[in-house]
C-alpha atoms as a PDB file:
ATOM      1  CA  MET A   1     -35.016 -89.948  35.556  1.00  0.00           C
ATOM      2  CA  GLY A   2     -33.833 -86.423  34.805  1.00  0.00           C
ATOM      3  CA  ARG A   3     -32.135 -84.298  37.384  1.00  0.00           C
ATOM      4  CA  THR A   4     -34.166 -81.316  38.641  1.00  0.00           C
ATOM      5  CA  ILE A   5     -32.296 -78.058  38.332  1.00  0.00           C
ATOM      6  CA  MET A   6     -33.155 -75.589  41.051  1.00  0.00           C
ATOM      7  CA  PRO A   7     -32.983 -71.833  40.459  1.00  0.00           C
ATOM      8  CA  PRO A   8     -29.750 -70.300  41.822  1.00  0.00           C
ATOM      9  CA  CYS A   9     -31.596 -68.547  44.671  1.00  0.00           C
ATOM     10  CA  TYR A  10     -32.549 -71.951  46.122  1.00  0.00           C
ATOM     11  CA  ILE A  11     -29.101 -73.472  45.906  1.00  0.00           C
ATOM     12  CA  SER A  12     -26.974 -71.327  48.198  1.00  0.00           C
ATOM     13  CA  SER A  13     -29.130 -68.650  49.763  1.00  0.00           C
ATOM     14  CA  MET A  14     -31.705 -70.810  51.536  1.00  0.00           C
ATOM     15  CA  ARG A  15     -31.278 -71.908  55.152  1.00  0.00           C
ATOM     16  CA  ARG A  16     -33.299 -74.613  56.852  1.00  0.00           C
ATOM     17  CA  LEU A  17     -35.405 -73.693  59.878  1.00  0.00           C
ATOM     18  CA  GLN A  18     -37.562 -75.950  61.999  1.00  0.00           C
ATOM     19  CA  VAL A  19     -40.628 -74.417  63.622  1.00  0.00           C
ATOM     20  CA  GLN A  20     -43.203 -76.071  65.851  1.00  0.00           C
ATOM     21  CA  LEU A  21     -46.770 -74.789  65.590  1.00  0.00           C
ATOM     22  CA  GLU A  22     -49.842 -75.387  67.691  1.00  0.00           C
ATOM     23  CA  GLU A  23     -52.490 -77.419  65.875  1.00  0.00           C
ATOM     24  CA  PRO A  24     -54.916 -74.553  65.034  1.00  0.00           C
ATOM     25  CA  LEU A  25     -52.105 -72.429  63.572  1.00  0.00           C
ATOM     26  CA  TYR A  26     -50.770 -75.403  61.623  1.00  0.00           C
ATOM     27  CA  GLU A  27     -54.219 -76.096  60.156  1.00  0.00           C
ATOM     28  CA  ALA A  28     -54.694 -72.426  59.208  1.00  0.00           C
ATOM     29  CA  LEU A  29     -51.285 -72.470  57.502  1.00  0.00           C
ATOM     30  CA  ARG A  30     -52.109 -75.701  55.687  1.00  0.00           C
ATOM     31  CA  LEU A  31     -55.431 -74.290  54.488  1.00  0.00           C
ATOM     32  CA  ARG A  32     -53.836 -71.032  53.276  1.00  0.00           C
ATOM     33  CA  ALA A  33     -51.222 -72.992  51.333  1.00  0.00           C
ATOM     34  CA  PHE A  34     -53.881 -75.259  49.824  1.00  0.00           C
ATOM     35  CA  GLU A  35     -56.077 -72.328  48.805  1.00  0.00           C
ATOM     36  CA  GLY A  36     -53.118 -70.519  47.254  1.00  0.00           C
ATOM     37  CA  ARG A  37     -51.827 -73.696  45.624  1.00  0.00           C
ATOM     38  CA  VAL A  38     -48.402 -73.102  47.127  1.00  0.00           C
ATOM     39  CA  SER A  39     -46.288 -74.891  49.690  1.00  0.00           C
ATOM     40  CA  MET A  40     -46.638 -74.247  53.394  1.00  0.00           C
ATOM     41  CA  ALA A  41     -43.001 -73.144  53.400  1.00  0.00           C
ATOM     42  CA  SER A  42     -43.812 -70.537  50.770  1.00  0.00           C
ATOM     43  CA  VAL A  43     -46.648 -69.141  52.895  1.00  0.00           C
ATOM     44  CA  VAL A  44     -44.342 -68.972  55.923  1.00  0.00           C
ATOM     45  CA  ARG A  45     -41.575 -67.242  53.925  1.00  0.00           C
ATOM     46  CA  SER A  46     -44.056 -64.680  52.553  1.00  0.00           C
ATOM     47  CA  ALA A  47     -45.490 -63.975  56.007  1.00  0.00           C
ATOM     48  CA  ILE A  48     -42.043 -63.505  57.524  1.00  0.00           C
ATOM     49  CA  GLU A  49     -40.939 -61.271  54.656  1.00  0.00           C
ATOM     50  CA  GLN A  50     -44.073 -59.126  54.961  1.00  0.00           C
ATOM     51  CA  THR A  51     -43.688 -58.861  58.735  1.00  0.00           C
ATOM     52  CA  LEU A  52     -40.049 -57.820  58.488  1.00  0.00           C
ATOM     53  CA  LYS A  53     -40.819 -55.220  55.806  1.00  0.00           C
ATOM     54  CA  THR A  54     -43.466 -53.716  58.077  1.00  0.00           C
ATOM     55  CA  ALA A  55     -41.079 -53.768  61.048  1.00  0.00           C
ATOM     56  CA  ASP A  56     -38.521 -51.686  59.128  1.00  0.00           C
ATOM     57  CA  GLY A  57     -40.681 -48.579  59.420  1.00  0.00           C
ATOM     58  CA  PRO A  58     -39.584 -45.505  61.336  1.00  0.00           C
ATOM     59  CA  ARG A  59     -38.433 -46.086  64.895  1.00  0.00           C
ATOM     60  CA  LEU A  60     -40.655 -44.643  67.588  1.00  0.00           C
ATOM     61  CA  ASP A  61     -39.513 -43.102  70.827  1.00  0.00           C
ATOM     62  CA  LEU A  62     -41.203 -42.042  74.056  1.00  0.00           C
ATOM     63  CA  ALA A  63     -42.290 -38.693  72.543  1.00  0.00           C
ATOM     64  CA  ASP A  64     -44.506 -40.636  70.120  1.00  0.00           C
ATOM     65  CA  PHE A  65     -46.568 -41.920  73.063  1.00  0.00           C
ATOM     66  CA  PRO A  66     -47.722 -38.805  74.948  1.00  0.00           C
ATOM     67  CA  PHE A  67     -50.432 -40.772  76.746  1.00  0.00           C
ATOM     68  CA  ILE A  68     -47.846 -42.671  78.822  1.00  0.00           C
ATOM     69  CA  GLY A  69     -48.177 -41.470  82.375  1.00  0.00           C
ATOM     70  CA  ALA A  70     -51.499 -39.807  81.596  1.00  0.00           C
ATOM     71  CA  GLY A  71     -53.201 -41.760  84.350  1.00  0.00           C
ATOM     72  CA  ALA A  72     -50.764 -40.777  87.051  1.00  0.00           C
ATOM     73  CA  GLY A  73     -52.802 -39.631  89.997  1.00  0.00           C
ATOM     74  CA  GLU A  74     -52.008 -37.392  92.898  1.00  0.00           C
ATOM     75  CA  GLY A  75     -52.000 -40.436  95.133  1.00  0.00           C
ATOM     76  CA  GLY A  76     -53.744 -38.655  97.966  1.00  0.00           C
ATOM     77  CA  GLU A  77     -56.272 -40.080 100.397  1.00  0.00           C
ATOM     78  CA  GLY A  78     -59.205 -41.651  98.566  1.00  0.00           C
ATOM     79  CA  SER A  79     -57.340 -41.872  95.244  1.00  0.00           C
ATOM     80  CA  ARG A  80     -58.742 -44.742  93.179  1.00  0.00           C
ATOM     81  CA  VAL A  81     -56.426 -44.574  90.149  1.00  0.00           C
ATOM     82  CA  SER A  82     -55.282 -48.135  90.754  1.00  0.00           C
ATOM     83  CA  VAL A  83     -58.891 -49.331  90.729  1.00  0.00           C
ATOM     84  CA  GLU A  84     -60.313 -47.018  88.055  1.00  0.00           C
ATOM     85  CA  HIS A  85     -57.190 -46.698  85.914  1.00  0.00           C
ATOM     86  CA  ASP A  86     -59.061 -46.898  82.594  1.00  0.00           C
ATOM     87  CA  ARG A  87     -61.284 -43.981  83.539  1.00  0.00           C
ATOM     88  CA  ALA A  88     -58.310 -41.982  84.869  1.00  0.00           C
ATOM     89  CA  ILE A  89     -56.355 -42.524  81.642  1.00  0.00           C
ATOM     90  CA  ALA A  90     -59.362 -41.636  79.457  1.00  0.00           C
ATOM     91  CA  ASP A  91     -59.976 -38.450  81.470  1.00  0.00           C
ATOM     92  CA  ALA A  92     -56.310 -37.461  81.230  1.00  0.00           C
ATOM     93  CA  ILE A  93     -56.202 -38.043  77.454  1.00  0.00           C
ATOM     94  CA  GLN A  94     -59.418 -36.090  76.914  1.00  0.00           C
ATOM     95  CA  ALA A  95     -58.033 -33.218  78.987  1.00  0.00           C
ATOM     96  CA  ARG A  96     -55.008 -32.975  76.682  1.00  0.00           C
ATOM     97  CA  PHE A  97     -57.228 -32.479  73.628  1.00  0.00           C
ATOM     98  CA  ARG A  98     -59.487 -29.794  75.119  1.00  0.00           C
END
């Protein structure tokens, strides 16, 4: 039997990782690998790589989220912001664009 020669990138740069998945996620992964005719490990590596590339985008700060605090009410008697917070936030956001 001949010895299999692995490409250099698989010899020293790969690290083993064990991950436990819930059954539905495992089955979805298995199906994706089967459909793509690749290993499950390859699908996982591609997904992680894609996720990390996306995460390297520009950093956001509080100024990028002007709607935070938009639902802050006056808190006076009869204030229902805690009960109707969705409506209060929507009204506050709409008021900023008028």
